[in-house]
Amino acid sequence: MSRYKLWNLFINQFRWSRSFVAKVDSSGNFLFSKSATGSTFDAGFNIAVDSIGNVCIVGYYQSSSLTFGSTTISNSGDVDLFVAKLSFATGLNDVSSNENLIAFPNPSNGSFYLDHRFDKYVFSVYNVLGELISETETSGFRTFFNLDVPKGLYILTARSANDLANFKIIIDK
């Protein structure tokens, strides 16, 4: 077993390689780390963070299974590729998991509604390149969107004082 020092923390490295992601604040202070666990050689090669904070890691694994937090994937052969999207505790409630926000119709022609339980949200719409398309602040319980954009996939981010959610919006004209 090898032991590596990262900031003032020690990370144990066993015989096989491990993929891990560490988060630091703008001052370089360590906040936390997450790792993938398997039983043999597993390696992460690329990591990316998009403009709305999604973290993706790409690599391969030889273990019969590989675990990322509470998600386990199985290997169907000798070596398999993985693409993992990681989310970290933010202190905010994930609105999309408790159905406080409902977008309809989805897919749409660019005109759709978003029903929301709370009355103060900022809604941001991004294209797949992470470019901001539209931003709206709301004070009601239903918001109407009329996006004049090409057909495709868009990400709608909803933020309030206590909530954060991302939705995939499909525009099909």
N, C-alpha and C. Protein backbone atom coordinates (compact mmCIF):
# COMPACT_ATOMS: atom_id res chain seq x y z
N MET A 1 0.84 -1.17 0.00
CA MET A 1 0.00 0.00 0.00
C MET A 1 0.89 1.24 0.00
N SER A 2 0.55 2.18 -0.84
CA SER A 2 1.23 3.46 -0.87
C SER A 2 0.37 4.49 -0.17
N ARG A 3 1.00 5.53 0.32
CA ARG A 3 0.26 6.58 1.00
C ARG A 3 0.71 7.91 0.42
N TYR A 4 -0.26 8.69 -0.10
CA TYR A 4 0.03 9.97 -0.71
C TYR A 4 -0.53 11.08 0.15
N LYS A 5 0.18 12.19 0.21
CA LYS A 5 -0.30 13.34 0.96
C LYS A 5 -0.89 14.35 -0.01
N LEU A 6 -2.13 14.74 0.22
CA LEU A 6 -2.83 15.72 -0.58
C LEU A 6 -3.28 16.80 0.37
N TRP A 7 -2.74 18.01 0.23
CA TRP A 7 -2.91 19.08 1.20
C TRP A 7 -2.42 18.54 2.54
N ASN A 8 -3.20 18.56 3.58
CA ASN A 8 -2.79 17.99 4.86
C ASN A 8 -3.50 16.68 5.14
N LEU A 9 -3.98 16.02 4.10
CA LEU A 9 -4.68 14.75 4.25
C LEU A 9 -3.89 13.66 3.58
N PHE A 10 -3.98 12.45 4.14
CA PHE A 10 -3.31 11.31 3.54
C PHE A 10 -4.34 10.47 2.80
N ILE A 11 -3.99 10.05 1.59
CA ILE A 11 -4.85 9.19 0.79
C ILE A 11 -4.12 7.86 0.63
N ASN A 12 -4.78 6.77 1.04
CA ASN A 12 -4.19 5.45 0.93
C ASN A 12 -4.41 4.91 -0.47
N GLN A 13 -3.34 4.45 -1.10
CA GLN A 13 -3.41 3.87 -2.44
C GLN A 13 -3.01 2.41 -2.32
N PHE A 14 -3.94 1.49 -2.62
CA PHE A 14 -3.64 0.08 -2.53
C PHE A 14 -2.96 -0.39 -3.81
N ARG A 15 -2.77 -1.68 -3.95
CA ARG A 15 -2.04 -2.24 -5.07
C ARG A 15 -2.63 -1.82 -6.41
N TRP A 16 -3.93 -1.74 -6.51
CA TRP A 16 -4.57 -1.40 -7.77
C TRP A 16 -4.86 0.09 -7.82
N SER A 17 -4.90 0.60 -9.01
CA SER A 17 -5.14 2.03 -9.20
C SER A 17 -6.58 2.38 -8.84
N ARG A 18 -6.83 3.59 -8.41
CA ARG A 18 -8.16 4.07 -8.05
C ARG A 18 -8.42 5.41 -8.72
N SER A 19 -9.69 5.64 -9.05
CA SER A 19 -10.11 6.93 -9.58
C SER A 19 -10.70 7.73 -8.44
N PHE A 20 -10.25 8.96 -8.29
CA PHE A 20 -10.87 9.80 -7.28
C PHE A 20 -10.91 11.24 -7.76
N VAL A 21 -11.86 11.97 -7.19
CA VAL A 21 -12.05 13.38 -7.50
C VAL A 21 -12.00 14.12 -6.18
N ALA A 22 -11.23 15.19 -6.13
CA ALA A 22 -11.16 16.02 -4.92
C ALA A 22 -11.65 17.42 -5.26
N LYS A 23 -12.34 18.04 -4.31
CA LYS A 23 -12.82 19.40 -4.52
C LYS A 23 -12.10 20.32 -3.55
N VAL A 24 -11.65 21.45 -4.09
CA VAL A 24 -11.02 22.48 -3.27
C VAL A 24 -11.77 23.80 -3.50
N ASP A 25 -11.70 24.69 -2.53
CA ASP A 25 -12.34 25.99 -2.72
C ASP A 25 -11.40 26.94 -3.46
N SER A 26 -11.83 28.16 -3.68
CA SER A 26 -11.04 29.11 -4.46
C SER A 26 -9.72 29.48 -3.80
N SER A 27 -9.58 29.21 -2.50
CA SER A 27 -8.32 29.47 -1.79
C SER A 27 -7.41 28.25 -1.77
N GLY A 28 -7.87 27.14 -2.37
CA GLY A 28 -7.06 25.93 -2.39
C GLY A 28 -7.26 25.04 -1.18
N ASN A 29 -8.25 25.31 -0.34
CA ASN A 29 -8.52 24.48 0.83
C ASN A 29 -9.30 23.24 0.41
N PHE A 30 -8.88 22.08 0.91
CA PHE A 30 -9.53 20.82 0.61
C PHE A 30 -10.94 20.81 1.20
N LEU A 31 -11.94 20.42 0.39
CA LEU A 31 -13.32 20.32 0.87
C LEU A 31 -13.74 18.87 1.04
N PHE A 32 -13.54 18.02 0.03
CA PHE A 32 -13.88 16.61 0.12
C PHE A 32 -13.32 15.87 -1.07
N SER A 33 -13.42 14.53 -1.02
CA SER A 33 -13.05 13.73 -2.18
C SER A 33 -14.03 12.58 -2.32
N LYS A 34 -14.16 12.08 -3.54
CA LYS A 34 -15.00 10.93 -3.86
C LYS A 34 -14.14 9.98 -4.67
N SER A 35 -14.37 8.67 -4.50
CA SER A 35 -13.59 7.71 -5.28
C SER A 35 -14.49 6.60 -5.80
N ALA A 36 -14.01 5.94 -6.85
CA ALA A 36 -14.66 4.76 -7.38
C ALA A 36 -13.96 3.55 -6.78
N THR A 37 -14.71 2.52 -6.41
CA THR A 37 -14.10 1.35 -5.80
C THR A 37 -14.39 0.10 -6.63
N GLY A 38 -13.34 -0.65 -6.90
CA GLY A 38 -13.41 -1.92 -7.60
C GLY A 38 -12.38 -2.84 -6.98
N SER A 39 -12.26 -4.06 -7.52
CA SER A 39 -11.35 -5.03 -6.91
C SER A 39 -10.04 -5.22 -7.67
N THR A 40 -9.94 -4.71 -8.89
CA THR A 40 -8.69 -4.84 -9.65
C THR A 40 -8.29 -3.50 -10.24
N PHE A 41 -7.67 -3.51 -11.41
CA PHE A 41 -7.17 -2.27 -12.00
C PHE A 41 -8.32 -1.45 -12.58
N ASP A 42 -8.53 -0.26 -12.03
CA ASP A 42 -9.57 0.66 -12.47
C ASP A 42 -8.94 2.03 -12.56
N ALA A 43 -9.14 2.73 -13.66
CA ALA A 43 -8.45 4.01 -13.83
C ALA A 43 -9.35 5.04 -14.48
N GLY A 44 -9.28 6.26 -13.96
CA GLY A 44 -9.95 7.40 -14.58
C GLY A 44 -8.92 8.19 -15.36
N PHE A 45 -9.29 8.65 -16.57
CA PHE A 45 -8.32 9.34 -17.41
C PHE A 45 -8.66 10.79 -17.70
N ASN A 46 -9.92 11.11 -17.78
CA ASN A 46 -10.31 12.49 -18.09
C ASN A 46 -11.41 12.94 -17.15
N ILE A 47 -11.38 14.22 -16.81
CA ILE A 47 -12.41 14.80 -15.97
C ILE A 47 -12.78 16.15 -16.57
N ALA A 48 -14.06 16.48 -16.49
CA ALA A 48 -14.53 17.76 -17.03
C ALA A 48 -15.63 18.31 -16.13
N VAL A 49 -15.67 19.62 -16.02
CA VAL A 49 -16.74 20.31 -15.31
C VAL A 49 -17.38 21.27 -16.29
N ASP A 50 -18.70 21.15 -16.48
CA ASP A 50 -19.36 22.04 -17.43
C ASP A 50 -19.80 23.33 -16.74
N SER A 51 -20.42 24.21 -17.51
CA SER A 51 -20.75 25.55 -17.00
C SER A 51 -21.85 25.54 -15.95
N ILE A 52 -22.58 24.43 -15.80
CA ILE A 52 -23.61 24.38 -14.77
C ILE A 52 -23.22 23.47 -13.61
N GLY A 53 -21.94 23.11 -13.54
CA GLY A 53 -21.41 22.41 -12.38
C GLY A 53 -21.44 20.90 -12.42
N ASN A 54 -21.86 20.28 -13.52
CA ASN A 54 -21.82 18.83 -13.62
C ASN A 54 -20.38 18.38 -13.77
N VAL A 55 -19.99 17.34 -13.03
CA VAL A 55 -18.64 16.80 -13.09
C VAL A 55 -18.72 15.42 -13.74
N CYS A 56 -17.95 15.21 -14.81
CA CYS A 56 -17.93 13.92 -15.50
C CYS A 56 -16.51 13.38 -15.49
N ILE A 57 -16.40 12.07 -15.28
CA ILE A 57 -15.11 11.40 -15.31
C ILE A 57 -15.22 10.20 -16.25
N VAL A 58 -14.17 9.97 -17.05
CA VAL A 58 -14.13 8.88 -18.02
C VAL A 58 -12.93 8.01 -17.70
N GLY A 59 -13.10 6.70 -17.82
CA GLY A 59 -12.00 5.79 -17.59
C GLY A 59 -12.37 4.38 -17.98
N TYR A 60 -11.59 3.41 -17.49
CA TYR A 60 -11.93 2.01 -17.73
C TYR A 60 -11.69 1.20 -16.47
N TYR A 61 -12.30 0.00 -16.46
CA TYR A 61 -12.16 -0.86 -15.29
C TYR A 61 -12.12 -2.32 -15.70
N GLN A 62 -11.35 -3.11 -14.94
CA GLN A 62 -11.25 -4.54 -15.14
C GLN A 62 -11.99 -5.31 -14.05
N SER A 63 -12.37 -4.64 -12.98
CA SER A 63 -13.11 -5.29 -11.90
C SER A 63 -14.42 -5.85 -12.44
N SER A 64 -14.97 -6.87 -11.77
CA SER A 64 -16.27 -7.39 -12.18
C SER A 64 -17.37 -6.36 -11.97
N SER A 65 -17.14 -5.44 -11.03
CA SER A 65 -18.07 -4.32 -10.82
C SER A 65 -17.29 -3.13 -10.30
N LEU A 66 -17.87 -1.96 -10.47
CA LEU A 66 -17.24 -0.71 -10.03
C LEU A 66 -18.33 0.12 -9.37
N THR A 67 -18.02 0.69 -8.19
CA THR A 67 -19.02 1.43 -7.43
C THR A 67 -18.64 2.90 -7.33
N PHE A 68 -19.60 3.76 -7.68
CA PHE A 68 -19.50 5.21 -7.53
C PHE A 68 -20.59 5.60 -6.54
N GLY A 69 -20.23 5.89 -5.30
CA GLY A 69 -21.23 6.23 -4.29
C GLY A 69 -22.20 5.09 -4.10
N SER A 70 -23.48 5.29 -4.41
CA SER A 70 -24.50 4.25 -4.25
C SER A 70 -24.81 3.54 -5.57
N THR A 71 -24.08 3.85 -6.65
CA THR A 71 -24.33 3.25 -7.95
C THR A 71 -23.22 2.27 -8.29
N THR A 72 -23.61 1.04 -8.67
CA THR A 72 -22.66 0.01 -9.05
C THR A 72 -22.91 -0.39 -10.49
N ILE A 73 -21.84 -0.46 -11.29
CA ILE A 73 -21.94 -0.92 -12.67
C ILE A 73 -21.18 -2.23 -12.79
N SER A 74 -21.63 -3.09 -13.73
CA SER A 74 -21.02 -4.41 -13.90
C SER A 74 -20.22 -4.48 -15.18
N ASN A 75 -19.13 -5.22 -15.14
CA ASN A 75 -18.26 -5.42 -16.28
C ASN A 75 -18.76 -6.63 -17.06
N SER A 76 -18.88 -6.50 -18.37
CA SER A 76 -19.38 -7.61 -19.19
C SER A 76 -18.25 -8.40 -19.85
N GLY A 77 -17.02 -8.04 -19.59
CA GLY A 77 -15.92 -8.74 -20.23
C GLY A 77 -14.61 -8.43 -19.55
N ASP A 78 -13.54 -8.38 -20.33
CA ASP A 78 -12.21 -8.17 -19.80
C ASP A 78 -12.01 -6.74 -19.30
N VAL A 79 -12.24 -5.74 -20.15
CA VAL A 79 -12.08 -4.34 -19.79
C VAL A 79 -13.30 -3.59 -20.30
N ASP A 80 -13.88 -2.74 -19.46
CA ASP A 80 -15.02 -1.92 -19.85
C ASP A 80 -14.73 -0.45 -19.61
N LEU A 81 -15.38 0.38 -20.39
CA LEU A 81 -15.27 1.83 -20.28
C LEU A 81 -16.36 2.33 -19.35
N PHE A 82 -16.08 3.38 -18.58
CA PHE A 82 -17.13 4.03 -17.80
C PHE A 82 -17.12 5.52 -18.04
N VAL A 83 -18.30 6.10 -17.98
CA VAL A 83 -18.50 7.55 -17.98
C VAL A 83 -19.39 7.81 -16.78
N ALA A 84 -18.90 8.56 -15.82
CA ALA A 84 -19.66 8.81 -14.59
C ALA A 84 -19.92 10.30 -14.44
N LYS A 85 -21.14 10.63 -14.09
CA LYS A 85 -21.51 12.02 -13.77
C LYS A 85 -21.65 12.08 -12.26
N LEU A 86 -20.84 12.91 -11.64
CA LEU A 86 -20.81 12.99 -10.19
C LEU A 86 -21.58 14.20 -9.70
N SER A 87 -22.27 14.01 -8.59
CA SER A 87 -22.91 15.15 -7.94
C SER A 87 -22.48 15.12 -6.48
N PHE A 88 -22.29 16.28 -5.91
CA PHE A 88 -21.80 16.40 -4.55
C PHE A 88 -22.81 17.14 -3.71
N ALA A 89 -22.83 16.85 -2.42
CA ALA A 89 -23.74 17.54 -1.51
C ALA A 89 -23.45 19.04 -1.56
N THR A 90 -24.50 19.82 -1.74
CA THR A 90 -24.32 21.26 -1.85
C THR A 90 -24.98 22.01 -0.71
N GLY A 91 -25.72 21.30 0.14
CA GLY A 91 -26.48 21.98 1.17
C GLY A 91 -27.81 22.48 0.64
N LEU A 92 -28.09 22.21 -0.64
CA LEU A 92 -29.36 22.60 -1.25
C LEU A 92 -30.19 21.36 -1.50
N ASN A 93 -31.49 21.49 -1.43
CA ASN A 93 -32.37 20.38 -1.75
C ASN A 93 -32.42 20.20 -3.26
N ASP A 94 -32.44 18.95 -3.69
CA ASP A 94 -32.56 18.66 -5.12
C ASP A 94 -34.04 18.65 -5.46
N VAL A 95 -34.51 19.71 -6.06
CA VAL A 95 -35.94 19.87 -6.32
C VAL A 95 -36.46 18.81 -7.26
N SER A 96 -35.66 18.42 -8.24
CA SER A 96 -36.15 17.48 -9.24
C SER A 96 -36.51 16.13 -8.63
N SER A 97 -35.94 15.78 -7.48
CA SER A 97 -36.23 14.48 -6.89
C SER A 97 -37.50 14.49 -6.06
N ASN A 98 -38.01 15.65 -5.66
CA ASN A 98 -39.24 15.66 -4.87
C ASN A 98 -40.40 16.31 -5.61
N GLU A 99 -40.27 16.44 -6.91
CA GLU A 99 -41.35 16.86 -7.80
C GLU A 99 -41.93 18.24 -7.47
N ASN A 100 -41.13 19.14 -6.95
CA ASN A 100 -41.60 20.51 -6.74
C ASN A 100 -41.66 21.29 -8.04
N LEU A 101 -40.99 20.80 -9.07
CA LEU A 101 -40.98 21.46 -10.37
C LEU A 101 -41.44 20.49 -11.45
N ILE A 102 -42.32 20.96 -12.32
CA ILE A 102 -42.81 20.11 -13.41
C ILE A 102 -42.80 20.94 -14.69
N ALA A 103 -42.04 20.47 -15.70
CA ALA A 103 -41.99 21.13 -17.01
C ALA A 103 -42.91 20.37 -17.96
N PHE A 104 -43.80 21.10 -18.66
CA PHE A 104 -44.70 20.45 -19.61
C PHE A 104 -45.11 21.44 -20.68
N PRO A 105 -45.41 21.00 -21.90
CA PRO A 105 -45.08 19.67 -22.40
C PRO A 105 -43.58 19.56 -22.66
N ASN A 106 -43.08 18.38 -22.59
CA ASN A 106 -41.66 18.13 -22.83
C ASN A 106 -41.54 16.75 -23.48
N PRO A 107 -41.20 16.68 -24.75
CA PRO A 107 -40.71 17.68 -25.69
C PRO A 107 -41.78 18.72 -26.05
N SER A 108 -41.29 19.86 -26.55
CA SER A 108 -42.18 20.94 -26.98
C SER A 108 -41.61 21.60 -28.23
N ASN A 109 -42.36 22.56 -28.76
CA ASN A 109 -41.89 23.32 -29.92
C ASN A 109 -41.12 24.56 -29.50
N GLY A 110 -40.84 24.68 -28.21
CA GLY A 110 -40.15 25.85 -27.66
C GLY A 110 -41.02 26.60 -26.69
N SER A 111 -42.33 26.32 -26.71
CA SER A 111 -43.27 26.93 -25.77
C SER A 111 -43.67 25.88 -24.73
N PHE A 112 -43.36 26.15 -23.47
CA PHE A 112 -43.71 25.20 -22.41
C PHE A 112 -43.88 25.95 -21.10
N TYR A 113 -44.48 25.27 -20.15
CA TYR A 113 -44.72 25.82 -18.81
C TYR A 113 -43.84 25.11 -17.81
N LEU A 114 -43.54 25.80 -16.74
CA LEU A 114 -42.87 25.18 -15.61
C LEU A 114 -43.69 25.54 -14.37
N ASP A 115 -44.31 24.52 -13.78
CA ASP A 115 -45.02 24.71 -12.52
C ASP A 115 -44.03 24.54 -11.39
N HIS A 116 -44.08 25.43 -10.43
CA HIS A 116 -43.14 25.36 -9.31
C HIS A 116 -43.87 25.68 -8.02
N ARG A 117 -43.45 25.00 -6.97
CA ARG A 117 -44.11 25.10 -5.67
C ARG A 117 -43.79 26.41 -4.97
N PHE A 118 -42.60 26.87 -5.09
CA PHE A 118 -42.17 28.08 -4.39
C PHE A 118 -42.27 29.26 -5.35
N ASP A 119 -42.38 30.46 -4.84
CA ASP A 119 -42.68 31.57 -5.73
C ASP A 119 -41.49 32.37 -6.22
N LYS A 120 -40.29 32.13 -5.73
CA LYS A 120 -39.14 32.93 -6.20
C LYS A 120 -38.05 32.00 -6.73
N TYR A 121 -37.92 31.96 -8.05
CA TYR A 121 -36.89 31.16 -8.71
C TYR A 121 -36.20 32.01 -9.77
N VAL A 122 -34.96 31.64 -10.08
CA VAL A 122 -34.26 32.12 -11.26
C VAL A 122 -34.10 30.90 -12.16
N PHE A 123 -34.61 31.00 -13.38
CA PHE A 123 -34.53 29.92 -14.35
C PHE A 123 -33.53 30.31 -15.42
N SER A 124 -32.56 29.43 -15.67
CA SER A 124 -31.55 29.65 -16.70
C SER A 124 -31.62 28.51 -17.69
N VAL A 125 -31.60 28.82 -18.97
CA VAL A 125 -31.62 27.81 -20.03
C VAL A 125 -30.27 27.84 -20.72
N TYR A 126 -29.64 26.65 -20.84
CA TYR A 126 -28.33 26.51 -21.47
C TYR A 126 -28.44 25.56 -22.65
N ASN A 127 -27.62 25.78 -23.68
CA ASN A 127 -27.52 24.80 -24.76
C ASN A 127 -26.52 23.73 -24.34
N VAL A 128 -26.31 22.73 -25.20
CA VAL A 128 -25.43 21.62 -24.83
C VAL A 128 -23.96 22.02 -24.75
N LEU A 129 -23.62 23.20 -25.24
CA LEU A 129 -22.25 23.71 -25.10
C LEU A 129 -22.06 24.47 -23.79
N GLY A 130 -23.14 24.60 -23.01
CA GLY A 130 -23.06 25.31 -21.74
C GLY A 130 -23.24 26.81 -21.88
N GLU A 131 -23.66 27.28 -23.06
CA GLU A 131 -23.87 28.71 -23.28
C GLU A 131 -25.26 29.11 -22.78
N LEU A 132 -25.32 30.22 -22.05
CA LEU A 132 -26.59 30.72 -21.53
C LEU A 132 -27.45 31.23 -22.68
N ILE A 133 -28.67 30.70 -22.78
CA ILE A 133 -29.61 31.08 -23.83
C ILE A 133 -30.62 32.09 -23.31
N SER A 134 -31.10 31.85 -22.08
CA SER A 134 -32.15 32.69 -21.51
C SER A 134 -32.07 32.62 -19.99
N GLU A 135 -32.44 33.72 -19.34
CA GLU A 135 -32.51 33.72 -17.88
C GLU A 135 -33.73 34.53 -17.47
N THR A 136 -34.54 33.96 -16.58
CA THR A 136 -35.79 34.58 -16.15
C THR A 136 -35.91 34.48 -14.64
N GLU A 137 -36.30 35.56 -14.00
CA GLU A 137 -36.62 35.54 -12.57
C GLU A 137 -38.13 35.55 -12.45
N THR A 138 -38.67 34.71 -11.58
CA THR A 138 -40.11 34.58 -11.48
C THR A 138 -40.62 34.91 -10.09
N SER A 139 -41.88 35.28 -10.01
CA SER A 139 -42.49 35.55 -8.71
C SER A 139 -43.84 34.86 -8.58
N GLY A 140 -44.17 33.96 -9.49
CA GLY A 140 -45.45 33.25 -9.44
C GLY A 140 -45.24 31.77 -9.24
N PHE A 141 -46.28 30.99 -9.47
CA PHE A 141 -46.20 29.54 -9.31
C PHE A 141 -46.20 28.80 -10.64
N ARG A 142 -46.33 29.52 -11.74
CA ARG A 142 -46.23 28.92 -13.08
C ARG A 142 -45.52 29.92 -13.97
N THR A 143 -44.51 29.44 -14.69
CA THR A 143 -43.75 30.30 -15.59
C THR A 143 -43.89 29.77 -17.01
N PHE A 144 -44.16 30.66 -17.96
CA PHE A 144 -44.28 30.31 -19.37
C PHE A 144 -42.97 30.63 -20.08
N PHE A 145 -42.48 29.67 -20.85
CA PHE A 145 -41.27 29.86 -21.65
C PHE A 145 -41.64 29.80 -23.12
N ASN A 146 -41.09 30.68 -23.92
CA ASN A 146 -41.25 30.66 -25.36
C ASN A 146 -39.87 30.87 -25.97
N LEU A 147 -39.16 29.76 -26.14
CA LEU A 147 -37.78 29.80 -26.62
C LEU A 147 -37.75 29.72 -28.14
N ASP A 148 -37.13 30.68 -28.77
CA ASP A 148 -36.94 30.67 -30.22
C ASP A 148 -35.52 30.16 -30.49
N VAL A 149 -35.38 28.84 -30.40
CA VAL A 149 -34.07 28.19 -30.54
C VAL A 149 -34.21 27.02 -31.51
N PRO A 150 -33.09 26.58 -32.08
CA PRO A 150 -33.14 25.40 -32.95
C PRO A 150 -33.56 24.16 -32.17
N LYS A 151 -34.06 23.17 -32.88
CA LYS A 151 -34.46 21.94 -32.22
C LYS A 151 -33.22 21.28 -31.62
N GLY A 152 -33.41 20.64 -30.46
CA GLY A 152 -32.31 19.99 -29.78
C GLY A 152 -32.55 19.86 -28.29
N LEU A 153 -31.51 19.50 -27.57
CA LEU A 153 -31.55 19.30 -26.12
C LEU A 153 -31.04 20.55 -25.42
N TYR A 154 -31.74 20.98 -24.38
CA TYR A 154 -31.36 22.15 -23.59
C TYR A 154 -31.45 21.79 -22.12
N ILE A 155 -30.70 22.48 -21.30
CA ILE A 155 -30.71 22.27 -19.84
C ILE A 155 -31.35 23.49 -19.20
N LEU A 156 -32.37 23.24 -18.39
CA LEU A 156 -33.04 24.29 -17.63
C LEU A 156 -32.61 24.15 -16.18
N THR A 157 -31.97 25.17 -15.64
CA THR A 157 -31.55 25.18 -14.24
C THR A 157 -32.49 26.08 -13.46
N ALA A 158 -33.03 25.54 -12.36
CA ALA A 158 -33.93 26.30 -11.49
C ALA A 158 -33.23 26.51 -10.15
N ARG A 159 -33.12 27.78 -9.73
CA ARG A 159 -32.46 28.10 -8.46
C ARG A 159 -33.37 28.97 -7.61
N SER A 160 -33.45 28.63 -6.32
CA SER A 160 -34.11 29.50 -5.35
C SER A 160 -33.18 29.59 -4.14
N ALA A 161 -33.64 30.19 -3.08
CA ALA A 161 -32.80 30.33 -1.88
C ALA A 161 -32.43 28.97 -1.30
N ASN A 162 -33.30 27.97 -1.45
CA ASN A 162 -33.05 26.66 -0.83
C ASN A 162 -33.04 25.50 -1.79
N ASP A 163 -33.29 25.72 -3.05
CA ASP A 163 -33.47 24.62 -3.99
C ASP A 163 -32.64 24.82 -5.25
N LEU A 164 -32.29 23.68 -5.86
CA LEU A 164 -31.54 23.68 -7.11
C LEU A 164 -31.95 22.44 -7.88
N ALA A 165 -32.25 22.60 -9.17
CA ALA A 165 -32.60 21.45 -10.00
C ALA A 165 -32.19 21.73 -11.44
N ASN A 166 -31.87 20.67 -12.16
CA ASN A 166 -31.57 20.74 -13.59
C ASN A 166 -32.55 19.85 -14.33
N PHE A 167 -33.08 20.33 -15.45
CA PHE A 167 -34.01 19.57 -16.28
C PHE A 167 -33.48 19.51 -17.69
N LYS A 168 -33.72 18.39 -18.35
CA LYS A 168 -33.45 18.28 -19.77
C LYS A 168 -34.72 18.71 -20.49
N ILE A 169 -34.61 19.70 -21.35
CA ILE A 169 -35.74 20.19 -22.13
C ILE A 169 -35.46 19.86 -23.59
N ILE A 170 -36.40 19.20 -24.25
CA ILE A 170 -36.23 18.82 -25.65
C ILE A 170 -37.11 19.72 -26.50
N ILE A 171 -36.48 20.42 -27.44
CA ILE A 171 -37.19 21.26 -28.39
C ILE A 171 -37.25 20.50 -29.71
N ASP A 172 -38.47 20.22 -30.17
CA ASP A 172 -38.69 19.45 -31.39
C ASP A 172 -39.69 20.19 -32.26
N LYS A 173 -39.19 21.01 -33.17
CA LYS A 173 -40.07 21.85 -34.01
C LYS A 173 -40.53 21.10 -35.23
